[in-house]
Protein backbone atom coordinates (compact mmCIF):
# COMPACT_ATOMS: atom_id res chain seq x y z
CA MET A 1 23.71 18.94 -25.84
CA GLY A 2 22.18 20.52 -22.12
CA LYS A 3 21.50 17.50 -19.39
CA PRO A 4 18.59 15.14 -19.17
CA ILE A 5 15.62 16.26 -17.91
CA VAL A 6 14.12 14.62 -14.79
CA PHE A 7 10.02 15.62 -14.02
CA ILE A 8 8.80 15.50 -10.05
CA PRO A 9 5.09 16.36 -10.40
CA SER A 10 4.01 15.80 -6.24
CA ARG A 11 5.78 17.67 -3.63
CA ILE A 12 8.28 15.14 -1.54
CA PRO A 13 10.09 15.02 1.29
CA ASN A 14 13.15 16.27 1.68
CA ALA A 15 13.48 17.57 -1.76
CA GLU A 16 16.05 19.88 -1.10
CA ARG A 17 18.55 16.95 -0.65
CA VAL A 18 16.67 14.58 -3.48
CA ILE A 19 17.19 17.82 -6.15
CA ARG A 20 21.18 18.22 -5.37
CA TYR A 21 21.91 14.84 -5.71
CA LEU A 22 19.42 14.49 -9.08
CA SER A 23 21.24 17.75 -10.40
CA GLU A 24 24.70 16.20 -10.71
CA TYR A 25 22.97 13.96 -13.75
CA ALA A 26 19.95 16.02 -15.14
CA ASP A 27 18.22 19.66 -14.80
CA VAL A 28 15.56 19.04 -11.87
CA ASP A 29 11.98 19.92 -12.82
CA TYR A 30 9.83 19.88 -9.32
CA ARG A 31 6.86 20.94 -8.93
CA ASP A 32 6.29 22.09 -4.96
CA VAL A 33 2.26 21.09 -4.94
CA GLU A 34 0.66 19.27 -2.64
CA GLU A 35 -2.49 18.15 -4.69
CA MET A 36 -1.78 16.15 -8.73
CA LEU A 37 -1.23 18.55 -11.49
CA GLY A 38 -3.79 19.18 -14.02
CA ASP A 39 -3.58 16.59 -16.94
CA GLU A 40 -1.62 19.73 -18.82
CA GLN A 41 0.48 20.79 -16.57
CA PHE A 42 1.42 16.88 -16.09
CA TYR A 43 1.60 16.37 -19.77
CA GLN A 44 3.92 19.66 -20.48
CA GLY A 45 6.08 18.55 -17.67
CA LEU A 46 6.23 14.73 -19.16
CA GLU A 47 6.72 15.64 -23.04
CA ARG A 48 10.17 17.40 -21.92
CA ALA A 49 10.98 14.21 -19.70
CA ASP A 50 13.63 12.10 -19.50
CA GLY A 51 12.83 10.71 -16.41
CA LEU A 52 9.89 10.59 -14.63
CA MET A 53 9.58 10.20 -10.85
CA ALA A 54 6.49 9.35 -9.77
CA TYR A 55 3.60 8.57 -6.46
CA SER A 56 1.01 5.54 -7.30
CA ARG A 57 -1.78 8.23 -8.24
CA ASN A 58 0.40 8.95 -11.40
CA LYS A 59 -1.01 6.72 -13.93
CA ILE A 60 1.32 5.65 -16.43
CA ARG A 61 -0.32 4.04 -20.04
CA GLU A 62 0.07 3.88 -23.00
CA ALA A 63 -1.99 6.90 -23.43
CA GLN A 64 0.88 9.03 -21.19
CA LEU A 65 3.59 7.34 -23.15
CA GLU A 66 2.35 8.85 -26.25
CA ARG A 67 2.99 12.10 -24.90
CA ALA A 68 6.69 11.43 -23.42
CA PRO A 69 8.38 10.93 -26.50
CA LYS A 70 12.09 11.32 -24.28
CA LEU A 71 11.11 9.18 -21.76
CA ARG A 72 13.91 6.84 -20.37
CA ALA A 73 12.53 5.71 -16.87
CA VAL A 74 9.74 6.00 -14.42
CA CYS A 75 11.06 5.45 -11.16
CA ASN A 76 8.08 4.88 -8.56
CA ILE A 77 8.36 6.52 -4.98
CA ALA A 78 6.10 3.02 -3.75
CA VAL A 79 6.69 -0.35 -3.12
CA GLY A 80 3.47 -1.15 -5.07
CA TYR A 81 3.52 -1.02 -9.15
CA ASP A 82 -0.20 -0.99 -10.37
CA ASN A 83 -0.14 2.36 -11.44
CA LEU A 84 2.33 1.58 -14.19
CA ASP A 85 1.59 -0.29 -17.23
CA LEU A 86 5.07 -2.55 -17.35
CA ASP A 87 4.17 -3.98 -20.95
CA ALA A 88 3.93 -0.59 -22.50
CA LEU A 89 6.72 0.74 -20.90
CA THR A 90 8.94 -2.70 -21.78
CA ALA A 91 7.86 -2.41 -25.33
CA ARG A 92 9.12 1.44 -25.36
CA GLY A 93 12.87 0.73 -24.00
CA VAL A 94 11.98 2.59 -20.78
CA ALA A 95 13.14 1.73 -17.26
CA ALA A 96 10.67 0.76 -14.56
CA THR A 97 11.47 0.69 -10.57
CA ASN A 98 10.02 0.74 -7.47
CA THR A 99 11.27 1.70 -3.52
CA PRO A 100 10.71 -1.88 -2.10
CA ASP A 101 12.50 -2.34 1.33
CA VAL A 102 12.68 1.05 2.87
CA LEU A 103 8.92 1.27 3.83
CA SER A 104 8.31 -2.63 5.42
CA GLU A 105 8.02 -2.05 9.00
CA THR A 106 6.63 1.76 8.67
CA THR A 107 3.70 -0.06 6.94
CA ALA A 108 3.52 -3.11 9.40
CA ASP A 109 3.43 -0.44 12.40
CA LEU A 110 0.72 0.97 10.19
CA ALA A 111 -1.22 -2.48 9.82
CA PHE A 112 -0.87 -3.02 13.49
CA ALA A 113 -2.03 -0.26 14.46
CA LEU A 114 -5.42 -0.62 12.43
CA LEU A 115 -5.87 -4.17 13.85
CA LEU A 116 -5.91 -2.75 16.84
CA SER A 117 -7.57 -0.13 16.57
CA ALA A 118 -10.35 -2.19 14.78
CA ALA A 119 -10.63 -4.69 17.82
CA ARG A 120 -10.67 -1.93 20.72
CA ARG A 121 -12.80 0.15 18.94
CA ILE A 122 -10.42 2.96 19.33
CA PRO A 123 -11.83 5.68 16.72
CA GLU A 124 -15.23 4.95 17.90
CA ALA A 125 -14.46 5.56 21.49
CA ASP A 126 -12.12 8.80 20.90
CA HIS A 127 -15.77 10.02 19.16
CA TYR A 128 -17.55 8.78 22.24
CA VAL A 129 -15.54 11.22 24.51
CA LYS A 130 -14.92 13.83 22.33
CA SER A 131 -18.57 14.57 21.82
CA GLY A 132 -19.33 15.00 25.24
CA GLN A 133 -20.80 11.07 24.90
CA TRP A 134 -19.25 9.67 28.54
CA HIS A 135 -20.82 10.13 31.70
CA GLY A 136 -19.80 7.73 33.38
CA TRP A 137 -18.18 3.93 33.70
CA LEU A 138 -20.28 1.25 32.62
CA PRO A 139 -19.55 -2.90 32.12
CA SER A 140 -20.45 -2.97 28.61
CA LEU A 141 -19.07 0.10 27.64
CA MET A 142 -17.19 -0.06 24.25
CA LEU A 143 -16.19 -3.89 25.01
CA GLY A 144 -14.01 -4.97 21.97
CA LYS A 145 -12.32 -8.27 21.13
CA ASP A 146 -8.56 -9.29 22.52
CA VAL A 147 -5.41 -9.28 20.22
CA PHE A 148 -3.45 -11.07 22.72
CA GLY A 149 -3.77 -14.82 22.07
CA ALA A 150 -5.76 -14.87 19.03
CA THR A 151 -5.32 -16.22 15.86
CA LEU A 152 -3.79 -13.58 13.11
CA GLY A 153 -4.48 -14.84 9.28
CA ILE A 154 -1.81 -13.19 7.06
CA VAL A 155 -2.11 -12.97 3.05
CA GLY A 156 0.66 -12.27 1.41
CA LEU A 157 4.03 -12.82 3.40
CA GLY A 158 6.41 -10.43 1.54
CA ARG A 159 8.72 -8.16 3.55
CA ILE A 160 5.57 -6.41 4.89
CA GLY A 161 3.68 -9.00 6.04
CA GLN A 162 6.75 -10.65 7.52
CA ALA A 163 7.86 -7.60 9.43
CA ILE A 164 3.60 -7.37 10.67
CA ALA A 165 4.36 -11.47 11.69
CA ARG A 166 7.18 -10.55 14.60
CA ARG A 167 4.76 -7.75 15.62
CA ALA A 168 2.11 -10.39 16.45
CA ALA A 169 4.56 -12.33 18.31
CA GLY A 170 4.79 -9.98 20.65
CA PHE A 171 1.57 -10.15 21.18
CA GLN A 172 1.62 -14.08 21.70
CA MET A 173 -0.37 -14.68 18.81
CA LYS A 174 -0.67 -17.79 16.26
CA VAL A 175 -0.55 -16.91 13.02
CA LEU A 176 -1.07 -18.28 10.01
CA TYR A 177 -0.06 -17.77 6.62
CA ASN A 178 -0.72 -18.21 2.45
CA ASN A 179 1.62 -16.93 0.24
CA ARG A 180 2.40 -17.93 -3.14
CA THR A 181 5.33 -19.83 -2.04
CA ARG A 182 5.75 -21.38 1.31
CA ILE A 183 8.97 -19.28 3.58
CA SER A 184 11.61 -21.70 4.72
CA HIS A 185 12.06 -22.66 8.50
CA GLU A 186 8.24 -21.28 9.00
CA GLU A 187 7.56 -23.66 12.46
CA GLN A 188 10.86 -21.87 13.73
CA GLN A 189 9.74 -18.62 13.11
CA GLY A 190 6.13 -19.60 14.49
CA LEU A 191 4.06 -19.94 11.52
CA GLU A 192 1.73 -21.81 10.07
CA TYR A 193 1.09 -22.41 6.48
CA ALA A 194 -2.95 -22.36 5.33
CA SER A 195 -4.59 -22.17 2.41
CA LEU A 196 -6.71 -19.02 1.88
CA ASP A 197 -10.16 -21.15 2.57
CA THR A 198 -8.53 -22.76 6.13
CA LEU A 199 -7.04 -19.56 7.39
CA LEU A 200 -9.98 -17.76 6.66
CA GLN A 201 -11.93 -20.38 8.65
CA ARG A 202 -9.79 -19.85 11.63
CA SER A 203 -8.44 -16.47 11.50
CA ASP A 204 -9.85 -14.11 14.11
CA TYR A 205 -8.09 -11.34 12.07
CA VAL A 206 -7.50 -11.53 8.51
CA LEU A 207 -5.05 -8.93 7.46
CA LEU A 208 -4.63 -8.45 3.38
CA GLN A 209 -0.65 -7.49 2.33
CA ALA A 210 -0.84 -9.64 -1.25
CA PRO A 211 0.40 -7.54 -4.52
CA LEU A 212 -2.40 -6.41 -6.55
CA THR A 213 -2.18 -8.38 -9.66
CA PRO A 214 -4.39 -10.04 -12.50
CA GLU A 215 -4.64 -13.31 -9.97
CA THR A 216 -5.63 -11.10 -6.84
CA SER A 217 -8.01 -9.20 -8.30
CA GLY A 218 -11.02 -9.06 -6.26
CA MET A 219 -9.97 -12.56 -4.60
CA ILE A 220 -11.64 -11.77 -1.23
CA GLY A 221 -15.15 -11.59 -2.53
CA ALA A 222 -18.70 -12.87 -1.40
CA ARG A 223 -17.34 -16.33 -0.90
CA GLU A 224 -14.76 -15.59 0.84
CA LEU A 225 -16.23 -13.11 3.93
CA GLY A 226 -18.60 -16.26 4.02
CA LEU A 227 -15.68 -18.76 5.29
CA MET A 228 -14.66 -16.07 7.73
CA LYS A 229 -15.74 -16.14 11.88
CA LYS A 230 -18.95 -13.76 12.81
CA ASP A 231 -17.24 -11.77 15.21
CA ALA A 232 -13.62 -11.43 12.46
CA ILE A 233 -12.26 -8.87 11.18
CA LEU A 234 -10.40 -8.11 7.75
CA ILE A 235 -7.26 -5.79 7.79
CA ASN A 236 -6.75 -3.88 3.92
CA THR A 237 -3.11 -2.75 3.79
CA ALA A 238 -2.50 -3.81 0.40
CA ARG A 239 -4.62 -2.36 -2.85
CA GLY A 240 -7.94 -1.77 -2.71
CA GLY A 241 -8.70 -4.25 -5.67
CA VAL A 242 -7.88 -7.30 -3.57
CA VAL A 243 -11.13 -6.72 -1.81
CA ASP A 244 -14.84 -6.84 -3.42
CA GLU A 245 -15.99 -4.05 -1.67
CA ARG A 246 -19.45 -4.78 -2.12
CA ALA A 247 -19.38 -7.95 -1.10
CA LEU A 248 -17.56 -6.71 2.18
CA ILE A 249 -19.98 -4.08 2.39
CA GLU A 250 -22.74 -5.95 2.53
CA ALA A 251 -20.82 -8.59 4.78
CA LEU A 252 -20.59 -5.61 7.32
CA GLN A 253 -24.00 -4.36 6.96
CA GLU A 254 -25.40 -8.14 7.65
CA LYS A 255 -22.88 -8.22 10.97
CA ARG A 256 -21.62 -11.71 8.88
CA ILE A 257 -18.25 -10.34 9.97
CA ALA A 258 -17.35 -7.40 13.18
CA GLY A 259 -15.28 -4.76 11.13
CA ALA A 260 -12.56 -3.84 9.14
CA GLY A 261 -9.33 -1.88 9.22
CA LEU A 262 -9.02 -0.33 5.84
CA ASP A 263 -6.27 1.84 4.63
CA VAL A 264 -6.71 1.11 0.99
CA PHE A 265 -9.81 1.41 -1.27
CA GLU A 266 -10.90 0.50 -4.91
CA GLN A 267 -11.95 4.12 -5.58
CA GLU A 268 -9.65 6.96 -3.74
CA PRO A 269 -10.28 9.50 -1.96
CA LEU A 270 -13.58 7.91 -0.83
CA PRO A 271 -16.25 9.71 -2.77
CA GLN A 272 -19.05 11.51 -0.75
CA GLY A 273 -21.76 9.05 0.39
CA HIS A 274 -19.75 5.79 0.71
CA PRO A 275 -21.09 3.25 3.39
CA PHE A 276 -17.68 2.97 4.94
CA LEU A 277 -18.02 6.62 5.94
CA SER A 278 -21.10 5.72 8.10
CA MET A 279 -20.14 2.50 9.64
CA PRO A 280 -18.77 2.73 13.06
CA GLN A 281 -17.36 -0.90 12.60
CA VAL A 282 -15.08 0.36 9.82
CA VAL A 283 -12.03 1.94 10.97
CA ALA A 284 -10.75 4.08 7.64
CA VAL A 285 -7.58 6.04 6.93
CA PRO A 286 -6.26 8.03 3.67
CA HIS A 287 -3.35 5.17 2.45
CA ILE A 288 -0.93 6.82 4.88
CA GLY A 289 1.12 2.61 5.12
CA SER A 290 3.94 4.43 4.74
CA ALA A 291 3.57 8.03 5.94
CA THR A 292 6.36 8.62 7.69
CA VAL A 293 8.79 12.01 7.42
CA GLN A 294 11.97 9.22 7.51
CA THR A 295 9.99 6.46 5.69
CA ARG A 296 8.65 9.07 2.69
CA SER A 297 12.08 10.76 2.66
CA ALA A 298 14.09 7.29 2.04
CA MET A 299 11.83 6.42 -0.30
CA ALA A 300 12.10 9.66 -2.45
CA MET A 301 15.52 8.96 -2.20
CA LYS A 302 15.71 5.53 -3.48
CA ALA A 303 13.81 6.66 -6.09
CA ALA A 304 16.27 8.82 -6.98
CA THR A 305 19.44 6.87 -6.72
CA ASN A 306 17.65 4.17 -9.09
CA MET A 307 16.99 7.24 -11.66
CA ALA A 308 20.62 7.97 -11.56
CA ALA A 309 21.81 4.77 -12.51
CA VAL A 310 19.41 4.45 -15.56
CA LEU A 311 20.53 8.40 -16.59
CA ARG A 312 24.26 7.03 -15.41
CA GLY A 313 23.65 3.94 -17.97
CA GLU A 314 24.02 1.35 -15.60
CA GLN A 315 20.87 -1.14 -14.58
CA PRO A 316 19.06 0.42 -11.00
CA GLU A 317 18.81 -1.74 -7.96
CA ASN A 318 14.76 -1.71 -8.07
CA LEU A 319 14.62 -2.63 -11.81
CA LEU A 320 10.80 -4.07 -12.50
CA ASN A 321 11.20 -4.53 -16.52
CA PRO A 322 15.22 -6.47 -16.34
CA GLU A 323 13.85 -7.17 -19.98
CA VAL A 324 14.70 -3.50 -20.91
CA TRP A 325 18.44 -3.84 -19.88
CA ARG A 326 19.12 -7.16 -21.97
CA ARG A 327 18.26 -5.45 -25.51
């Protein structure tokens, strides 16, 4: 009987090290491609696989699992896992894992970069200079919004949210937060708990870092946007689905809020002609929260160690469906 097969359908950083590590436990079917595989190529790999290492763009639902008779583990190279049908995986006894911790600081950097870029209109100013429109200093040229001393509202105070709060302290921002559970010693950490409505009403910047769940889907809609200050800026580094995009577009068009910084969207990539693409007050980047060489390499290695644990018959560190291991 041969080794199990681990299928990696996309290019990963530090692939040589990951493959060398996994090769002790499995034969690795690695596809060194940046774009997503076509359905048939993906299913051909999946049908032979005992393990799948996937990015969040790889949707694993009942239809995919029906084509994966040998599958024992799906190891996401991401902290989010809304691409996985955990109920279907659990029903089939397939372990699912993610990669928390290693990307928190990097994603927090990106969130704060979006906040600063939207506040100080950096993309607009860059385009203004490079397109030859700058002909001299003007007192009202590219006026932005102060960050230092402003109020930041963080919705979702997990590892990434707390890392963002630490950065805000350097700008002497007042930090409000809303979370399913209150954190201990919040006052000593310079944080103040607020209801979602209060946070929206008081914040100069509202930063979303809540996971996408049935409860958080569309949680920022027309009503919530209507509670925000007219000069407030919305930052989303969570998932596109936590915001009702149609409501956000209308709020921006009608100048009911001042701007947005977005790393995630309801549909990715954004389709041609999407309103965000023509809005100068929107800073839009292509889901790059964890996109540094060091972090993506660490994420791939953590997914590989989770995979190796399953193949050895051990419970992986970042198991999302522990029911599988209780059987």
